[in-house]
Amino acid sequence: MKPHKYGAKRTVCQSEHSHPSKAEAIRCDELRLLWIAARILNYDSQPERINLSGDPKVPIWYTPDFYVSTKGDEWYEEVKGAATDKLPAWRLKAKLWRLHGPCELRVRGCKYGTNPGTFEKRKIQGEQ
């Protein structure tokens, strides 16, 4: 099998989901603990894909890493590695999310050269 171009290694989390990176698996484990502690109502790894074009005839599909809900709030989460955070394709999808995303997208970027569990947070507002 061909190695990932950014060095990410497929990792299985404690819930036995397979994730494309260690950072995603760590975040899934964190969400599981939040769910057990009743801090969140639900979380879903690799939720349904979302059309970011605003036009069903010409879709631009995007699948966030996680969907999370609490009593009064819901959001999607994306875990980005240091190398992929600045790519033009991701930047375009972030801009399209601002226009057509169903709710907030929380981006958790892994800091370069640190533990994969060390994250920076940014929020991208979608339509409300």
N, C-alpha and C. Protein backbone atom coordinates (compact mmCIF):
# COMPACT_ATOMS: atom_id res chain seq x y z
N MET A 1 0.83 -1.18 0.00
CA MET A 1 0.00 0.00 0.00
C MET A 1 0.88 1.25 0.00
N LYS A 2 0.48 2.26 -0.76
CA LYS A 2 1.22 3.49 -0.90
C LYS A 2 1.13 4.31 0.39
N PRO A 3 2.25 4.86 0.90
CA PRO A 3 2.20 5.65 2.13
C PRO A 3 1.48 6.97 1.89
N HIS A 4 0.89 7.53 2.96
CA HIS A 4 0.19 8.80 2.89
C HIS A 4 1.19 9.91 2.58
N LYS A 5 0.84 10.83 1.70
CA LYS A 5 1.81 11.84 1.26
C LYS A 5 2.23 12.80 2.37
N TYR A 6 1.46 12.92 3.44
CA TYR A 6 1.84 13.79 4.55
C TYR A 6 2.31 13.00 5.76
N GLY A 7 2.50 11.70 5.61
CA GLY A 7 3.03 10.88 6.69
C GLY A 7 1.99 10.43 7.71
N ALA A 8 0.71 10.70 7.47
CA ALA A 8 -0.33 10.26 8.40
C ALA A 8 -0.44 8.74 8.37
N LYS A 9 -0.68 8.17 9.54
CA LYS A 9 -0.82 6.71 9.64
C LYS A 9 -2.22 6.36 10.12
N ARG A 10 -2.87 5.47 9.38
CA ARG A 10 -4.21 5.02 9.77
C ARG A 10 -4.15 4.46 11.18
N THR A 11 -5.07 4.92 12.05
CA THR A 11 -5.06 4.55 13.46
C THR A 11 -6.47 4.20 13.91
N VAL A 12 -6.58 3.19 14.76
CA VAL A 12 -7.87 2.77 15.31
C VAL A 12 -8.03 3.40 16.70
N CYS A 13 -9.19 4.00 16.94
CA CYS A 13 -9.46 4.62 18.23
C CYS A 13 -10.03 3.58 19.21
N GLN A 14 -10.32 4.03 20.44
CA GLN A 14 -10.86 3.12 21.46
C GLN A 14 -12.26 2.61 21.12
N SER A 15 -12.98 3.34 20.28
CA SER A 15 -14.31 2.89 19.84
C SER A 15 -14.22 1.95 18.64
N GLU A 16 -13.00 1.62 18.26
CA GLU A 16 -12.71 0.72 17.15
C GLU A 16 -13.10 1.29 15.79
N HIS A 17 -13.10 2.63 15.67
CA HIS A 17 -13.26 3.28 14.37
C HIS A 17 -11.86 3.39 13.77
N SER A 18 -11.75 3.21 12.48
CA SER A 18 -10.48 3.40 11.80
C SER A 18 -10.43 4.83 11.28
N HIS A 19 -9.36 5.55 11.63
CA HIS A 19 -9.21 6.96 11.23
C HIS A 19 -7.96 7.10 10.36
N PRO A 20 -7.98 8.06 9.42
CA PRO A 20 -6.82 8.22 8.54
C PRO A 20 -5.59 8.80 9.22
N SER A 21 -5.72 9.31 10.47
CA SER A 21 -4.55 9.86 11.16
C SER A 21 -4.66 9.63 12.66
N LYS A 22 -3.52 9.71 13.32
CA LYS A 22 -3.48 9.56 14.77
C LYS A 22 -4.22 10.71 15.45
N ALA A 23 -4.10 11.91 14.89
CA ALA A 23 -4.79 13.08 15.47
C ALA A 23 -6.30 12.89 15.46
N GLU A 24 -6.85 12.34 14.38
CA GLU A 24 -8.30 12.07 14.33
C GLU A 24 -8.70 11.01 15.34
N ALA A 25 -7.89 9.98 15.50
CA ALA A 25 -8.20 8.92 16.47
C ALA A 25 -8.19 9.48 17.89
N ILE A 26 -7.23 10.35 18.18
CA ILE A 26 -7.17 10.98 19.51
C ILE A 26 -8.41 11.83 19.75
N ARG A 27 -8.83 12.59 18.74
CA ARG A 27 -10.03 13.42 18.91
C ARG A 27 -11.27 12.55 19.10
N CYS A 28 -11.36 11.44 18.40
CA CYS A 28 -12.50 10.53 18.57
C CYS A 28 -12.52 9.99 20.00
N ASP A 29 -11.35 9.66 20.54
CA ASP A 29 -11.28 9.20 21.93
C ASP A 29 -11.74 10.30 22.90
N GLU A 30 -11.36 11.55 22.62
CA GLU A 30 -11.79 12.67 23.47
C GLU A 30 -13.31 12.83 23.41
N LEU A 31 -13.87 12.74 22.22
CA LEU A 31 -15.33 12.86 22.08
C LEU A 31 -16.05 11.73 22.79
N ARG A 32 -15.48 10.54 22.72
CA ARG A 32 -16.07 9.40 23.43
C ARG A 32 -16.11 9.66 24.94
N LEU A 33 -15.03 10.19 25.49
CA LEU A 33 -14.99 10.52 26.92
C LEU A 33 -16.00 11.61 27.28
N LEU A 34 -16.15 12.61 26.40
CA LEU A 34 -17.15 13.66 26.63
C LEU A 34 -18.56 13.07 26.61
N TRP A 35 -18.79 12.10 25.74
CA TRP A 35 -20.10 11.44 25.65
C TRP A 35 -20.36 10.61 26.91
N ILE A 36 -19.37 9.87 27.38
CA ILE A 36 -19.50 9.08 28.60
C ILE A 36 -19.79 9.98 29.80
N ALA A 37 -19.14 11.15 29.85
CA ALA A 37 -19.33 12.10 30.94
C ALA A 37 -20.60 12.93 30.76
N ALA A 38 -21.38 12.66 29.73
CA ALA A 38 -22.63 13.37 29.42
C ALA A 38 -22.41 14.86 29.15
N ARG A 39 -21.24 15.22 28.65
CA ARG A 39 -20.98 16.61 28.26
C ARG A 39 -21.47 16.89 26.84
N ILE A 40 -21.61 15.81 26.04
CA ILE A 40 -22.22 15.92 24.71
C ILE A 40 -23.27 14.82 24.59
N LEU A 41 -24.28 15.06 23.76
CA LEU A 41 -25.34 14.07 23.58
C LEU A 41 -24.96 12.99 22.58
N ASN A 42 -24.24 13.38 21.54
CA ASN A 42 -23.96 12.46 20.45
C ASN A 42 -22.72 12.91 19.69
N TYR A 43 -22.04 11.97 19.11
CA TYR A 43 -20.97 12.29 18.16
C TYR A 43 -20.95 11.19 17.11
N ASP A 44 -20.54 11.57 15.92
CA ASP A 44 -20.50 10.63 14.81
C ASP A 44 -19.19 10.84 14.06
N SER A 45 -18.47 9.76 13.85
CA SER A 45 -17.24 9.81 13.08
C SER A 45 -17.58 9.65 11.60
N GLN A 46 -17.02 10.51 10.76
CA GLN A 46 -17.28 10.51 9.32
C GLN A 46 -18.79 10.57 9.02
N PRO A 47 -19.44 11.67 9.40
CA PRO A 47 -20.88 11.79 9.14
C PRO A 47 -21.17 11.91 7.65
N GLU A 48 -22.43 12.13 7.31
CA GLU A 48 -22.82 12.19 5.90
C GLU A 48 -22.09 13.33 5.19
N ARG A 49 -21.92 13.16 3.90
CA ARG A 49 -21.26 14.20 3.12
C ARG A 49 -22.22 15.37 2.90
N ILE A 50 -21.64 16.55 2.72
CA ILE A 50 -22.42 17.78 2.61
C ILE A 50 -22.07 18.46 1.30
N ASN A 51 -23.09 18.94 0.60
CA ASN A 51 -22.89 19.67 -0.66
C ASN A 51 -22.59 21.13 -0.32
N LEU A 52 -21.39 21.58 -0.64
CA LEU A 52 -20.98 22.95 -0.33
C LEU A 52 -21.20 23.93 -1.48
N SER A 53 -21.70 23.46 -2.61
CA SER A 53 -21.86 24.36 -3.75
C SER A 53 -23.12 25.20 -3.66
N GLY A 54 -24.11 24.73 -2.91
CA GLY A 54 -25.39 25.42 -2.88
C GLY A 54 -26.25 25.08 -4.09
N ASP A 55 -25.74 24.26 -5.00
CA ASP A 55 -26.47 23.87 -6.21
C ASP A 55 -26.47 22.35 -6.31
N PRO A 56 -27.65 21.72 -6.22
CA PRO A 56 -27.69 20.25 -6.30
C PRO A 56 -27.27 19.70 -7.66
N LYS A 57 -27.33 20.53 -8.70
CA LYS A 57 -26.94 20.07 -10.04
C LYS A 57 -25.42 20.00 -10.21
N VAL A 58 -24.70 20.83 -9.45
CA VAL A 58 -23.24 20.86 -9.53
C VAL A 58 -22.68 20.77 -8.11
N PRO A 59 -22.73 19.57 -7.51
CA PRO A 59 -22.33 19.45 -6.11
C PRO A 59 -20.81 19.51 -5.91
N ILE A 60 -20.42 20.07 -4.78
CA ILE A 60 -19.05 20.00 -4.30
C ILE A 60 -19.15 19.31 -2.95
N TRP A 61 -18.81 18.03 -2.92
CA TRP A 61 -19.03 17.22 -1.73
C TRP A 61 -17.89 17.37 -0.74
N TYR A 62 -18.25 17.40 0.53
CA TYR A 62 -17.28 17.49 1.61
C TYR A 62 -17.77 16.65 2.78
N THR A 63 -16.91 15.85 3.36
CA THR A 63 -17.26 15.04 4.52
C THR A 63 -16.40 15.48 5.69
N PRO A 64 -16.99 16.15 6.69
CA PRO A 64 -16.22 16.52 7.87
C PRO A 64 -15.80 15.27 8.65
N ASP A 65 -14.85 15.43 9.56
CA ASP A 65 -14.37 14.30 10.34
C ASP A 65 -15.37 13.86 11.39
N PHE A 66 -16.08 14.81 12.02
CA PHE A 66 -17.01 14.47 13.11
C PHE A 66 -18.23 15.38 13.09
N TYR A 67 -19.34 14.84 13.59
CA TYR A 67 -20.54 15.62 13.91
C TYR A 67 -20.73 15.49 15.42
N VAL A 68 -21.00 16.63 16.09
CA VAL A 68 -21.17 16.63 17.55
C VAL A 68 -22.43 17.42 17.89
N SER A 69 -23.19 16.92 18.87
CA SER A 69 -24.38 17.65 19.32
C SER A 69 -24.44 17.67 20.85
N THR A 70 -24.99 18.77 21.36
CA THR A 70 -25.29 18.92 22.79
C THR A 70 -26.77 19.27 22.88
N LYS A 71 -27.24 19.59 24.08
CA LYS A 71 -28.67 19.92 24.21
C LYS A 71 -29.11 21.06 23.32
N GLY A 72 -28.35 22.15 23.27
CA GLY A 72 -28.80 23.30 22.50
C GLY A 72 -27.91 23.66 21.33
N ASP A 73 -26.99 22.81 20.96
CA ASP A 73 -26.02 23.18 19.94
C ASP A 73 -25.61 21.96 19.13
N GLU A 74 -25.17 22.21 17.92
CA GLU A 74 -24.60 21.16 17.08
C GLU A 74 -23.53 21.78 16.21
N TRP A 75 -22.53 20.99 15.87
CA TRP A 75 -21.46 21.46 15.02
C TRP A 75 -20.75 20.27 14.39
N TYR A 76 -19.98 20.58 13.36
CA TYR A 76 -19.10 19.60 12.74
C TYR A 76 -17.68 19.94 13.14
N GLU A 77 -16.81 18.95 13.11
CA GLU A 77 -15.40 19.17 13.43
C GLU A 77 -14.52 18.60 12.33
N GLU A 78 -13.43 19.30 12.09
CA GLU A 78 -12.42 18.87 11.13
C GLU A 78 -11.08 18.91 11.85
N VAL A 79 -10.32 17.83 11.77
CA VAL A 79 -8.98 17.77 12.35
C VAL A 79 -8.00 17.90 11.20
N LYS A 80 -7.18 18.94 11.23
CA LYS A 80 -6.22 19.19 10.16
C LYS A 80 -4.81 19.03 10.68
N GLY A 81 -3.97 18.40 9.89
CA GLY A 81 -2.55 18.31 10.20
C GLY A 81 -1.87 19.60 9.80
N ALA A 82 -0.66 19.79 10.27
CA ALA A 82 0.08 21.02 10.00
C ALA A 82 0.28 21.24 8.50
N ALA A 83 0.54 20.19 7.75
CA ALA A 83 0.84 20.32 6.33
C ALA A 83 -0.40 20.60 5.49
N THR A 84 -1.56 20.11 5.90
CA THR A 84 -2.75 20.22 5.06
C THR A 84 -3.60 21.45 5.35
N ASP A 85 -3.34 22.15 6.42
CA ASP A 85 -4.17 23.28 6.84
C ASP A 85 -4.15 24.44 5.85
N LYS A 86 -3.08 24.58 5.09
CA LYS A 86 -2.92 25.73 4.19
C LYS A 86 -3.16 25.39 2.72
N LEU A 87 -3.55 24.18 2.41
CA LEU A 87 -3.75 23.78 1.02
C LEU A 87 -4.90 24.56 0.37
N PRO A 88 -4.76 24.94 -0.89
CA PRO A 88 -5.81 25.69 -1.59
C PRO A 88 -7.17 24.98 -1.58
N ALA A 89 -7.18 23.66 -1.75
CA ALA A 89 -8.46 22.93 -1.77
C ALA A 89 -9.18 23.06 -0.43
N TRP A 90 -8.44 22.95 0.67
CA TRP A 90 -9.06 23.10 2.00
C TRP A 90 -9.54 24.53 2.21
N ARG A 91 -8.75 25.50 1.80
CA ARG A 91 -9.14 26.91 1.98
C ARG A 91 -10.42 27.22 1.21
N LEU A 92 -10.55 26.66 0.01
CA LEU A 92 -11.77 26.83 -0.78
C LEU A 92 -12.97 26.21 -0.06
N LYS A 93 -12.80 24.99 0.46
CA LYS A 93 -13.90 24.33 1.17
C LYS A 93 -14.30 25.10 2.42
N ALA A 94 -13.34 25.70 3.11
CA ALA A 94 -13.65 26.50 4.29
C ALA A 94 -14.47 27.74 3.90
N LYS A 95 -14.11 28.35 2.79
CA LYS A 95 -14.88 29.52 2.31
C LYS A 95 -16.30 29.09 1.90
N LEU A 96 -16.41 27.96 1.21
CA LEU A 96 -17.74 27.47 0.81
C LEU A 96 -18.57 27.09 2.03
N TRP A 97 -17.93 26.56 3.07
CA TRP A 97 -18.67 26.22 4.30
C TRP A 97 -19.29 27.48 4.89
N ARG A 98 -18.55 28.60 4.88
CA ARG A 98 -19.09 29.86 5.40
C ARG A 98 -20.38 30.26 4.67
N LEU A 99 -20.45 29.93 3.39
CA LEU A 99 -21.62 30.28 2.58
C LEU A 99 -22.75 29.27 2.70
N HIS A 100 -22.42 27.97 2.69
CA HIS A 100 -23.45 26.94 2.56
C HIS A 100 -23.43 25.86 3.63
N GLY A 101 -22.53 25.96 4.60
CA GLY A 101 -22.47 24.94 5.65
C GLY A 101 -23.73 24.96 6.50
N PRO A 102 -24.21 23.81 6.96
CA PRO A 102 -25.47 23.74 7.71
C PRO A 102 -25.37 24.31 9.13
N CYS A 103 -24.17 24.35 9.70
CA CYS A 103 -23.97 24.91 11.04
C CYS A 103 -22.47 25.20 11.17
N GLU A 104 -22.03 25.44 12.37
CA GLU A 104 -20.63 25.78 12.60
C GLU A 104 -19.70 24.59 12.31
N LEU A 105 -18.54 24.90 11.76
CA LEU A 105 -17.48 23.92 11.56
C LEU A 105 -16.32 24.33 12.46
N ARG A 106 -15.95 23.46 13.38
CA ARG A 106 -14.84 23.74 14.29
C ARG A 106 -13.62 23.00 13.76
N VAL A 107 -12.57 23.76 13.49
CA VAL A 107 -11.35 23.19 12.93
C VAL A 107 -10.33 23.05 14.04
N ARG A 108 -9.85 21.85 14.19
CA ARG A 108 -8.83 21.57 15.21
C ARG A 108 -7.56 21.22 14.46
N GLY A 109 -6.60 22.15 14.48
CA GLY A 109 -5.36 21.95 13.75
C GLY A 109 -4.26 21.45 14.65
N CYS A 110 -3.64 20.37 14.25
CA CYS A 110 -2.52 19.82 15.01
C CYS A 110 -1.31 20.71 14.80
N LYS A 111 -0.70 21.18 15.88
CA LYS A 111 0.48 22.03 15.76
C LYS A 111 1.66 21.20 15.27
N TYR A 112 2.40 21.75 14.33
CA TYR A 112 3.53 21.04 13.75
C TYR A 112 4.60 20.77 14.81
N GLY A 113 5.07 19.54 14.84
CA GLY A 113 6.16 19.18 15.73
C GLY A 113 5.74 18.91 17.16
N THR A 114 4.44 18.85 17.45
CA THR A 114 3.99 18.58 18.81
C THR A 114 3.22 17.28 18.85
N ASN A 115 2.82 16.90 20.01
CA ASN A 115 1.98 15.72 20.20
C ASN A 115 0.72 15.87 19.36
N PRO A 116 0.26 14.82 18.66
CA PRO A 116 -0.96 14.93 17.85
C PRO A 116 -2.19 15.34 18.65
N GLY A 117 -2.16 15.26 19.95
CA GLY A 117 -3.30 15.66 20.76
C GLY A 117 -3.29 17.13 21.13
N THR A 118 -2.26 17.88 20.70
CA THR A 118 -2.17 19.32 21.00
C THR A 118 -2.81 20.07 19.84
N PHE A 119 -3.94 20.72 20.10
CA PHE A 119 -4.69 21.33 19.02
C PHE A 119 -4.84 22.83 19.18
N GLU A 120 -4.92 23.49 18.06
CA GLU A 120 -5.36 24.88 18.00
C GLU A 120 -6.79 24.84 17.51
N LYS A 121 -7.63 25.77 17.94
CA LYS A 121 -9.04 25.75 17.53
C LYS A 121 -9.37 26.99 16.71
N ARG A 122 -10.16 26.80 15.66
CA ARG A 122 -10.73 27.89 14.89
C ARG A 122 -12.17 27.53 14.59
N LYS A 123 -13.00 28.51 14.39
CA LYS A 123 -14.40 28.26 14.06
C LYS A 123 -14.73 28.87 12.72
N ILE A 124 -15.51 28.14 11.94
CA ILE A 124 -16.00 28.64 10.65
C ILE A 124 -17.52 28.62 10.75
N GLN A 125 -18.14 29.76 10.72
CA GLN A 125 -19.59 29.84 10.82
C GLN A 125 -20.24 29.42 9.52
N GLY A 126 -21.22 28.57 9.62
CA GLY A 126 -22.04 28.21 8.47
C GLY A 126 -23.36 28.96 8.57
N GLU A 127 -24.28 28.62 7.71
CA GLU A 127 -25.61 29.22 7.78
C GLU A 127 -26.28 28.79 9.08
N GLN A 128 -27.03 29.66 9.67
CA GLN A 128 -27.72 29.32 10.93
C GLN A 128 -29.22 29.42 10.73
